[in-house]
Amino acid sequence: MASPSARRLVVGVALGLRLLALALSDREVADVLRYRKVADHVLDVSWNPYTAPRLYPYPPVWVWVEAAAGRLARDTGLSFAVLVKLPVAAADAGIVAWLAGWGARRGRGLRPAWVYALHPVSLLVSGVHGQFDAIALLLVLLAVSCRGEGRRTAGALALSAAVAVKSFPVLLVPVFLAQAGERRERLRDASLVLGPVLLLLAPYAIADPGALRRELFGYGGVADFGWIALSRGARWLATGVLPRGEAASWTVHVAAAKAVFLAAYGALLVALARGRLGFDLPRACLAVLLAFLVFYGALSAQYLLWVVPLGALLGGRVFALWSAAATAALVGFYAFLAPGVLWPAAVPRGAPAWGLLWVGGAAAVLAMSAAWLLSVTRAGERT
């Protein structure tokens, strides 16, 4: 069993690497620039971020981190880019601490914690890009451990907090409910998960329901990764012109992606409910998130982070191959479409080598995600 000093070391290394990434990427570009615009909107224009078009497609928690970072940057002169990423770095360190504890209790040692601490996808998405999915993922992991320890109320509230930070953990709600026992227990847990989120949304729904529906519920993703991104990349390779990636530019594809994913998601939930797949809760959550990566098709870069904590926990050769593909794809994507994320001196957008790395990497990620999902489901069938 790992000593407390060894666990502190891996957490310290993880936090140190992410603070270094923050310092080296102290720039207001891409999503960090949007965070700044939302902060300015909330501080100077309106408390409602959904009235700012195409800036805030998230549930109503992160906006107050943006606003707090904006106010602190104004009052102190500190870097907004660094301030707004600090909670994300802390969440990543929290994930490492959770993995260290989980691994220690199950005889895995610190390997899962070290894998995540050093994982390039985590460093790129959280430390460099500055997307905050790690906060929601940490809350999901806390929900998993609470459920495993029999603390159902705490687990439901942790999952509720995850959904309030980012929308994607709502996909895991049926998985948690499937293990709740009787119907009355499921209804209770569903209320605990969804009730607080609905209460948080209520003021925005009352103030401007159209804005909330347009910005939060109307968001369809971006075709930067997934099978729609491959169609986008193929057009660029064929014509030399890169189509826009917003869902509005791929309405037919996105509609098909929603139908295909919902069919696969429904089939997976039915298999889980009927006991055809002998998954524990971490594997069931991983299967759902992998299914989204495989079937939905309009994926932003940060969506790739969703499977990394559970991949680090469960391990396997397929995860290692997926990690290599995802790293290459992210580097190509950032360098080709958002070079300011990686370095101050922007490489001209459209550099063919970076574009080829992005398209090829995205294809590899899709293939490896499908292989990983197949591996997970086959393992579940054997248990």
Protein backbone atom coordinates (compact mmCIF):
# COMPACT_ATOMS: atom_id res chain seq x y z
CA MET A 1 0.00 0.00 0.00
CA ALA A 2 1.32 3.43 -0.99
CA SER A 3 2.53 5.61 1.85
CA PRO A 4 0.94 9.02 2.53
CA SER A 5 4.16 10.71 1.37
CA ALA A 6 4.03 8.84 -1.95
CA ARG A 7 0.42 9.90 -2.43
CA ARG A 8 1.30 13.51 -1.64
CA LEU A 9 4.13 13.30 -4.17
CA VAL A 10 1.95 12.24 -7.07
CA VAL A 11 -0.65 14.90 -6.24
CA GLY A 12 2.08 17.52 -5.94
CA VAL A 13 3.61 16.54 -9.28
CA ALA A 14 0.19 16.68 -10.96
CA LEU A 15 -0.54 20.12 -9.55
CA GLY A 16 2.94 21.40 -10.35
CA LEU A 17 2.71 20.30 -13.97
CA ARG A 18 -0.65 21.96 -14.40
CA LEU A 19 0.51 25.20 -12.78
CA LEU A 20 3.46 25.16 -15.17
CA ALA A 21 1.07 24.64 -18.09
CA LEU A 22 -1.01 27.59 -16.84
CA ALA A 23 2.05 29.82 -16.65
CA LEU A 24 3.21 28.85 -20.13
CA SER A 25 -0.24 29.36 -21.67
CA ASP A 26 -1.09 32.69 -20.04
CA ARG A 27 -3.09 33.91 -23.04
CA GLU A 28 -6.70 34.92 -23.61
CA VAL A 29 -7.44 32.84 -26.68
CA ALA A 30 -10.10 30.30 -27.71
CA ASP A 31 -12.31 29.33 -24.77
CA VAL A 32 -10.39 31.44 -22.27
CA LEU A 33 -11.23 34.49 -24.38
CA ARG A 34 -14.88 33.46 -24.24
CA TYR A 35 -14.61 33.16 -20.47
CA ARG A 36 -13.34 36.74 -20.37
CA LYS A 37 -16.23 37.93 -22.56
CA VAL A 38 -18.75 36.17 -20.33
CA ALA A 39 -17.14 37.68 -17.23
CA ASP A 40 -17.34 41.16 -18.75
CA HIS A 41 -20.96 40.57 -19.72
CA VAL A 42 -21.95 39.46 -16.21
CA LEU A 43 -19.99 42.22 -14.49
CA ASP A 44 -20.99 45.06 -16.80
CA VAL A 45 -24.15 44.17 -18.73
CA SER A 46 -26.39 41.51 -17.19
CA TRP A 47 -26.30 38.83 -14.52
CA ASN A 48 -27.74 36.43 -17.11
CA PRO A 49 -24.97 34.89 -19.28
CA TYR A 50 -27.50 33.27 -21.62
CA THR A 51 -28.43 36.67 -23.05
CA ALA A 52 -24.93 36.89 -24.59
CA PRO A 53 -25.28 34.97 -27.88
CA ARG A 54 -22.91 32.04 -28.56
CA LEU A 55 -20.80 32.56 -25.45
CA TYR A 56 -22.20 30.39 -22.65
CA PRO A 57 -23.57 26.89 -23.49
CA TYR A 58 -23.07 25.53 -19.96
CA PRO A 59 -25.22 25.05 -16.85
CA PRO A 60 -25.26 28.02 -14.43
CA VAL A 61 -22.30 27.33 -12.15
CA TRP A 62 -19.16 28.02 -14.16
CA VAL A 63 -20.32 31.56 -14.95
CA TRP A 64 -19.62 32.59 -11.37
CA VAL A 65 -16.07 31.27 -11.62
CA GLU A 66 -15.65 33.39 -14.75
CA ALA A 67 -17.14 36.44 -13.04
CA ALA A 68 -15.01 35.96 -9.92
CA ALA A 69 -11.85 35.63 -12.01
CA GLY A 70 -12.82 38.72 -13.96
CA ARG A 71 -13.42 40.79 -10.85
CA LEU A 72 -10.21 39.60 -9.21
CA ALA A 73 -8.22 40.33 -12.36
CA ARG A 74 -9.63 43.86 -12.47
CA ASP A 75 -8.97 44.52 -8.80
CA THR A 76 -5.47 43.03 -8.60
CA GLY A 77 -4.05 43.17 -12.11
CA LEU A 78 -3.41 39.43 -12.01
CA SER A 79 -3.79 37.39 -15.18
CA PHE A 80 -7.38 36.46 -15.94
CA ALA A 81 -6.21 33.42 -17.94
CA VAL A 82 -4.33 32.04 -14.95
CA LEU A 83 -7.03 32.89 -12.41
CA VAL A 84 -9.84 31.23 -14.34
CA LYS A 85 -7.79 28.05 -14.85
CA LEU A 86 -6.77 27.64 -11.21
CA PRO A 87 -9.97 25.80 -10.17
CA VAL A 88 -9.45 23.43 -13.10
CA ALA A 89 -5.88 22.68 -12.00
CA ALA A 90 -7.16 22.04 -8.48
CA ALA A 91 -9.81 19.66 -9.85
CA ASP A 92 -7.20 17.75 -11.83
CA ALA A 93 -5.13 17.39 -8.65
CA GLY A 94 -8.29 16.22 -6.90
CA ILE A 95 -8.79 13.53 -9.55
CA VAL A 96 -5.23 12.34 -8.96
CA ALA A 97 -5.86 12.21 -5.21
CA TRP A 98 -9.07 10.23 -5.79
CA LEU A 99 -7.28 7.77 -8.08
CA ALA A 100 -4.50 7.36 -5.52
CA GLY A 101 -7.02 6.54 -2.81
CA TRP A 102 -9.04 4.19 -5.01
CA GLY A 103 -5.93 2.39 -6.25
CA ALA A 104 -4.59 2.00 -2.72
CA ARG A 105 -7.84 0.45 -1.49
CA ARG A 106 -7.95 -2.04 -4.36
CA GLY A 107 -4.35 -3.12 -4.55
CA ARG A 108 -3.52 -1.09 -7.65
CA GLY A 109 -1.07 1.18 -5.88
CA LEU A 110 -0.41 4.61 -7.33
CA ARG A 111 -0.29 3.58 -10.97
CA PRO A 112 -3.73 5.02 -11.90
CA ALA A 113 -2.84 8.29 -10.15
CA TRP A 114 0.49 8.58 -11.95
CA VAL A 115 -1.12 7.77 -15.30
CA TYR A 116 -3.57 10.64 -14.91
CA ALA A 117 -1.02 13.01 -13.37
CA LEU A 118 1.22 12.66 -16.42
CA HIS A 119 -1.47 12.14 -19.06
CA PRO A 120 -0.98 14.53 -21.99
CA VAL A 121 -4.70 14.78 -22.74
CA SER A 122 -5.33 16.07 -19.24
CA LEU A 123 -2.40 18.48 -19.42
CA LEU A 124 -3.53 19.81 -22.80
CA VAL A 125 -7.25 20.13 -22.09
CA SER A 126 -7.10 21.35 -18.49
CA GLY A 127 -3.76 23.09 -18.21
CA VAL A 128 -3.25 24.56 -21.67
CA HIS A 129 -6.69 24.83 -23.27
CA GLY A 130 -8.35 25.69 -19.94
CA GLN A 131 -11.58 23.75 -20.37
CA PHE A 132 -13.15 22.84 -17.05
CA ASP A 133 -14.49 19.32 -17.65
CA ALA A 134 -12.12 18.08 -14.92
CA ILE A 135 -14.32 19.72 -12.29
CA ALA A 136 -17.36 17.74 -13.41
CA LEU A 137 -15.27 14.57 -13.73
CA LEU A 138 -13.99 14.89 -10.17
CA LEU A 139 -17.58 15.18 -8.93
CA VAL A 140 -18.55 12.12 -10.98
CA LEU A 141 -15.72 10.14 -9.37
CA LEU A 142 -16.84 11.28 -5.93
CA ALA A 143 -20.35 10.10 -6.80
CA VAL A 144 -18.95 6.72 -7.84
CA SER A 145 -17.05 6.26 -4.58
CA CYS A 146 -19.99 7.46 -2.46
CA ARG A 147 -22.26 4.93 -4.16
CA GLY A 148 -19.68 2.19 -3.62
CA GLU A 149 -19.53 3.05 0.09
CA GLY A 150 -23.31 2.97 0.44
CA ARG A 151 -23.66 6.75 0.83
CA ARG A 152 -26.45 7.12 -1.69
CA THR A 153 -27.57 10.63 -0.77
CA ALA A 154 -24.03 11.99 -0.93
CA GLY A 155 -23.49 10.19 -4.23
CA ALA A 156 -26.66 11.63 -5.75
CA LEU A 157 -25.77 15.14 -4.64
CA ALA A 158 -22.23 14.80 -6.02
CA LEU A 159 -23.66 13.71 -9.37
CA SER A 160 -26.10 16.63 -9.22
CA ALA A 161 -23.17 19.01 -8.71
CA ALA A 162 -21.41 17.43 -11.69
CA VAL A 163 -24.45 18.03 -13.92
CA ALA A 164 -24.68 21.61 -12.64
CA VAL A 165 -21.09 22.24 -13.75
CA LYS A 166 -21.30 20.62 -17.18
CA SER A 167 -24.18 18.94 -18.96
CA PHE A 168 -22.54 15.67 -19.99
CA PRO A 169 -22.78 13.83 -16.60
CA VAL A 170 -26.55 13.74 -17.11
CA LEU A 171 -25.80 10.79 -19.41
CA LEU A 172 -24.70 8.85 -16.33
CA VAL A 173 -27.85 9.46 -14.29
CA PRO A 174 -29.67 6.33 -15.62
CA VAL A 175 -26.57 4.26 -14.88
CA PHE A 176 -26.59 5.37 -11.26
CA LEU A 177 -30.36 4.90 -11.00
CA ALA A 178 -30.11 1.35 -12.36
CA GLN A 179 -28.23 0.45 -9.19
CA ALA A 180 -30.63 2.21 -6.84
CA GLY A 181 -32.85 -0.78 -6.12
CA GLU A 182 -36.61 -0.32 -5.88
CA ARG A 183 -38.63 2.19 -7.87
CA ARG A 184 -39.13 4.44 -4.86
CA GLU A 185 -35.38 4.60 -4.32
CA ARG A 186 -34.82 5.46 -7.97
CA LEU A 187 -37.33 8.31 -7.81
CA ARG A 188 -35.68 9.63 -4.67
CA ASP A 189 -32.22 9.55 -6.23
CA ALA A 190 -33.47 11.11 -9.46
CA SER A 191 -34.98 13.96 -7.46
CA LEU A 192 -31.75 14.48 -5.57
CA VAL A 193 -29.73 14.58 -8.80
CA LEU A 194 -32.01 16.66 -11.00
CA GLY A 195 -33.87 18.80 -8.46
CA PRO A 196 -30.96 21.09 -7.49
CA VAL A 197 -30.02 21.59 -11.15
CA LEU A 198 -33.57 22.61 -12.04
CA LEU A 199 -33.61 25.03 -9.10
CA LEU A 200 -30.38 26.61 -10.34
CA LEU A 201 -31.84 26.97 -13.82
CA ALA A 202 -35.15 28.41 -12.63
CA PRO A 203 -34.10 32.10 -12.35
CA TYR A 204 -32.70 32.03 -15.88
CA ALA A 205 -35.78 30.27 -17.22
CA ILE A 206 -38.00 32.88 -15.62
CA ALA A 207 -35.88 35.83 -16.76
CA ASP A 208 -35.47 34.81 -20.41
CA PRO A 209 -36.64 31.31 -21.37
CA GLY A 210 -35.82 31.89 -25.03
CA ALA A 211 -32.20 32.71 -24.29
CA LEU A 212 -31.81 29.67 -22.03
CA ARG A 213 -33.37 27.38 -24.62
CA ARG A 214 -31.20 28.80 -27.40
CA GLU A 215 -27.85 28.85 -25.60
CA LEU A 216 -28.00 25.81 -23.30
CA PHE A 217 -30.52 23.39 -24.75
CA GLY A 218 -29.92 24.35 -28.37
CA TYR A 219 -26.19 23.68 -28.27
CA GLY A 220 -25.25 20.80 -30.58
CA GLY A 221 -21.49 20.57 -30.23
CA VAL A 222 -18.69 21.30 -32.71
CA ALA A 223 -17.38 19.00 -35.42
CA ASP A 224 -13.75 19.09 -34.30
CA PHE A 225 -13.63 15.38 -33.44
CA GLY A 226 -15.88 12.41 -34.09
CA TRP A 227 -17.22 11.04 -37.33
CA ILE A 228 -18.66 14.37 -38.48
CA ALA A 229 -15.20 15.91 -38.07
CA LEU A 230 -13.86 13.26 -40.46
CA SER A 231 -16.38 14.43 -43.07
CA ARG A 232 -15.25 18.00 -42.41
CA GLY A 233 -11.60 16.99 -42.74
CA ALA A 234 -12.30 15.04 -45.92
CA ARG A 235 -13.80 18.16 -47.53
CA TRP A 236 -10.71 20.13 -46.59
CA LEU A 237 -8.43 17.48 -48.06
CA ALA A 238 -10.49 17.35 -51.25
CA THR A 239 -11.03 21.08 -51.80
CA GLY A 240 -8.45 22.90 -49.69
CA VAL A 241 -11.29 24.80 -48.00
CA LEU A 242 -12.12 23.93 -44.39
CA PRO A 243 -15.86 24.09 -43.60
CA ARG A 244 -16.99 25.64 -40.34
CA GLY A 245 -17.38 23.26 -37.44
CA GLU A 246 -20.45 24.60 -35.63
CA ALA A 247 -23.45 22.29 -35.44
CA ALA A 248 -25.51 24.80 -37.44
CA SER A 249 -23.27 24.04 -40.43
CA TRP A 250 -23.95 20.29 -40.14
CA THR A 251 -27.65 20.15 -39.30
CA VAL A 252 -28.38 16.90 -41.16
CA HIS A 253 -25.28 15.21 -39.79
CA VAL A 254 -26.00 16.35 -36.23
CA ALA A 255 -29.60 15.16 -36.44
CA ALA A 256 -28.35 11.77 -37.62
CA ALA A 257 -25.71 11.73 -34.87
CA LYS A 258 -28.35 12.37 -32.21
CA ALA A 259 -30.51 9.54 -33.53
CA VAL A 260 -27.61 7.09 -33.78
CA PHE A 261 -26.27 7.91 -30.35
CA LEU A 262 -29.67 7.74 -28.67
CA ALA A 263 -30.25 4.33 -30.23
CA ALA A 264 -26.86 3.05 -29.03
CA TYR A 265 -27.33 4.68 -25.62
CA GLY A 266 -30.75 3.14 -25.22
CA ALA A 267 -29.47 -0.30 -26.18
CA LEU A 268 -26.63 0.02 -23.68
CA LEU A 269 -28.98 1.07 -20.87
CA VAL A 270 -31.34 -1.82 -21.64
CA ALA A 271 -28.43 -4.27 -21.57
CA LEU A 272 -27.32 -2.86 -18.22
CA ALA A 273 -30.83 -2.92 -16.76
CA ARG A 274 -31.42 -6.54 -17.83
CA GLY A 275 -28.08 -7.72 -16.49
CA ARG A 276 -26.65 -8.67 -19.87
CA LEU A 277 -23.52 -6.69 -19.08
CA GLY A 278 -21.90 -7.47 -15.76
CA PHE A 279 -20.43 -4.03 -15.19
CA ASP A 280 -19.49 -2.38 -11.96
CA LEU A 281 -20.32 1.32 -11.78
CA PRO A 282 -16.97 2.66 -13.10
CA ARG A 283 -17.11 0.37 -16.16
CA ALA A 284 -20.74 1.23 -16.82
CA CYS A 285 -19.91 4.95 -16.74
CA LEU A 286 -16.92 4.41 -19.02
CA ALA A 287 -19.06 2.48 -21.52
CA VAL A 288 -21.62 5.31 -21.71
CA LEU A 289 -18.96 7.98 -22.25
CA LEU A 290 -17.17 5.88 -24.88
CA ALA A 291 -20.47 5.35 -26.68
CA PHE A 292 -20.89 9.12 -26.88
CA LEU A 293 -17.41 9.54 -28.38
CA VAL A 294 -18.09 6.83 -30.94
CA PHE A 295 -21.62 7.60 -32.05
CA TYR A 296 -22.39 11.29 -31.52
CA GLY A 297 -19.97 12.75 -34.03
CA ALA A 298 -19.87 16.49 -33.21
CA LEU A 299 -17.25 16.55 -30.47
CA SER A 300 -15.17 19.38 -29.06
CA ALA A 301 -11.57 18.77 -28.02
CA GLN A 302 -12.35 18.67 -24.30
CA TYR A 303 -14.78 15.76 -24.74
CA LEU A 304 -11.76 13.50 -25.10
CA LEU A 305 -10.92 14.10 -21.44
CA TRP A 306 -14.14 12.46 -20.27
CA VAL A 307 -12.79 8.91 -20.51
CA VAL A 308 -9.27 9.56 -19.21
CA PRO A 309 -9.84 9.28 -15.41
CA LEU A 310 -11.73 5.99 -15.74
CA GLY A 311 -9.26 4.81 -18.35
CA ALA A 312 -6.41 5.51 -15.94
CA LEU A 313 -8.33 3.64 -13.24
CA LEU A 314 -9.12 0.56 -15.29
CA GLY A 315 -5.99 0.50 -17.48
CA GLY A 316 -5.46 -1.78 -20.46
CA ARG A 317 -3.53 -1.75 -23.73
CA VAL A 318 -6.45 -0.25 -25.67
CA PHE A 319 -6.44 2.76 -23.34
CA ALA A 320 -2.72 3.25 -23.99
CA LEU A 321 -3.27 3.18 -27.76
CA TRP A 322 -6.26 5.51 -27.45
CA SER A 323 -4.14 7.91 -25.38
CA ALA A 324 -1.45 8.07 -28.07
CA ALA A 325 -4.04 8.75 -30.77
CA ALA A 326 -5.82 11.39 -28.68
CA THR A 327 -2.58 13.20 -27.89
CA ALA A 328 -1.59 13.38 -31.56
CA ALA A 329 -5.07 14.49 -32.57
CA LEU A 330 -5.20 17.25 -29.96
CA VAL A 331 -1.76 18.63 -30.86
CA GLY A 332 -2.73 18.66 -34.55
CA PHE A 333 -6.09 20.25 -33.78
CA TYR A 334 -4.74 23.04 -31.61
CA ALA A 335 -1.84 23.81 -33.95
CA PHE A 336 -4.09 23.81 -37.02
CA LEU A 337 -7.22 25.54 -35.75
CA ALA A 338 -6.20 27.39 -32.56
CA PRO A 339 -2.41 27.82 -32.57
CA GLY A 340 -2.55 30.52 -29.88
CA VAL A 341 -3.55 27.81 -27.41
CA LEU A 342 -0.15 26.14 -27.76
CA TRP A 343 2.29 28.99 -28.27
CA PRO A 344 2.40 32.81 -28.38
CA ALA A 345 3.79 33.09 -31.90
CA ALA A 346 0.80 31.80 -33.83
CA VAL A 347 1.52 29.36 -36.62
CA PRO A 348 -0.60 30.37 -39.63
CA ARG A 349 -3.93 28.61 -39.56
CA GLY A 350 -4.18 25.96 -42.22
CA ALA A 351 -0.60 24.66 -42.10
CA PRO A 352 -1.04 21.37 -44.00
CA ALA A 353 1.13 19.22 -41.74
CA TRP A 354 -0.86 20.16 -38.65
CA GLY A 355 -4.12 19.66 -40.49
CA LEU A 356 -3.09 16.20 -41.59
CA LEU A 357 -2.12 15.34 -38.01
CA TRP A 358 -5.51 16.55 -36.81
CA VAL A 359 -7.54 14.60 -39.41
CA GLY A 360 -5.44 11.46 -39.10
CA GLY A 361 -5.45 11.70 -35.31
CA ALA A 362 -9.22 12.21 -35.22
CA ALA A 363 -9.68 9.11 -37.36
CA ALA A 364 -7.40 7.15 -35.03
CA VAL A 365 -9.27 8.39 -31.96
CA LEU A 366 -12.59 7.30 -33.44
CA ALA A 367 -11.21 3.87 -34.33
CA MET A 368 -9.59 3.38 -30.94
CA SER A 369 -12.72 4.62 -29.11
CA ALA A 370 -14.75 2.00 -30.97
CA ALA A 371 -12.17 -0.68 -30.20
CA TRP A 372 -12.11 0.34 -26.55
CA LEU A 373 -15.91 0.29 -26.30
CA LEU A 374 -15.97 -3.17 -27.90
CA SER A 375 -13.32 -4.37 -25.46
CA VAL A 376 -15.24 -3.04 -22.46
CA THR A 377 -18.56 -4.56 -23.56
CA ARG A 378 -17.00 -7.94 -24.34
CA ALA A 379 -15.40 -7.98 -20.90
CA GLY A 380 -18.79 -7.20 -19.41
CA GLU A 381 -20.39 -10.08 -21.27
CA ARG A 382 -17.84 -12.49 -19.78
CA THR A 383 -18.34 -11.42 -16.15
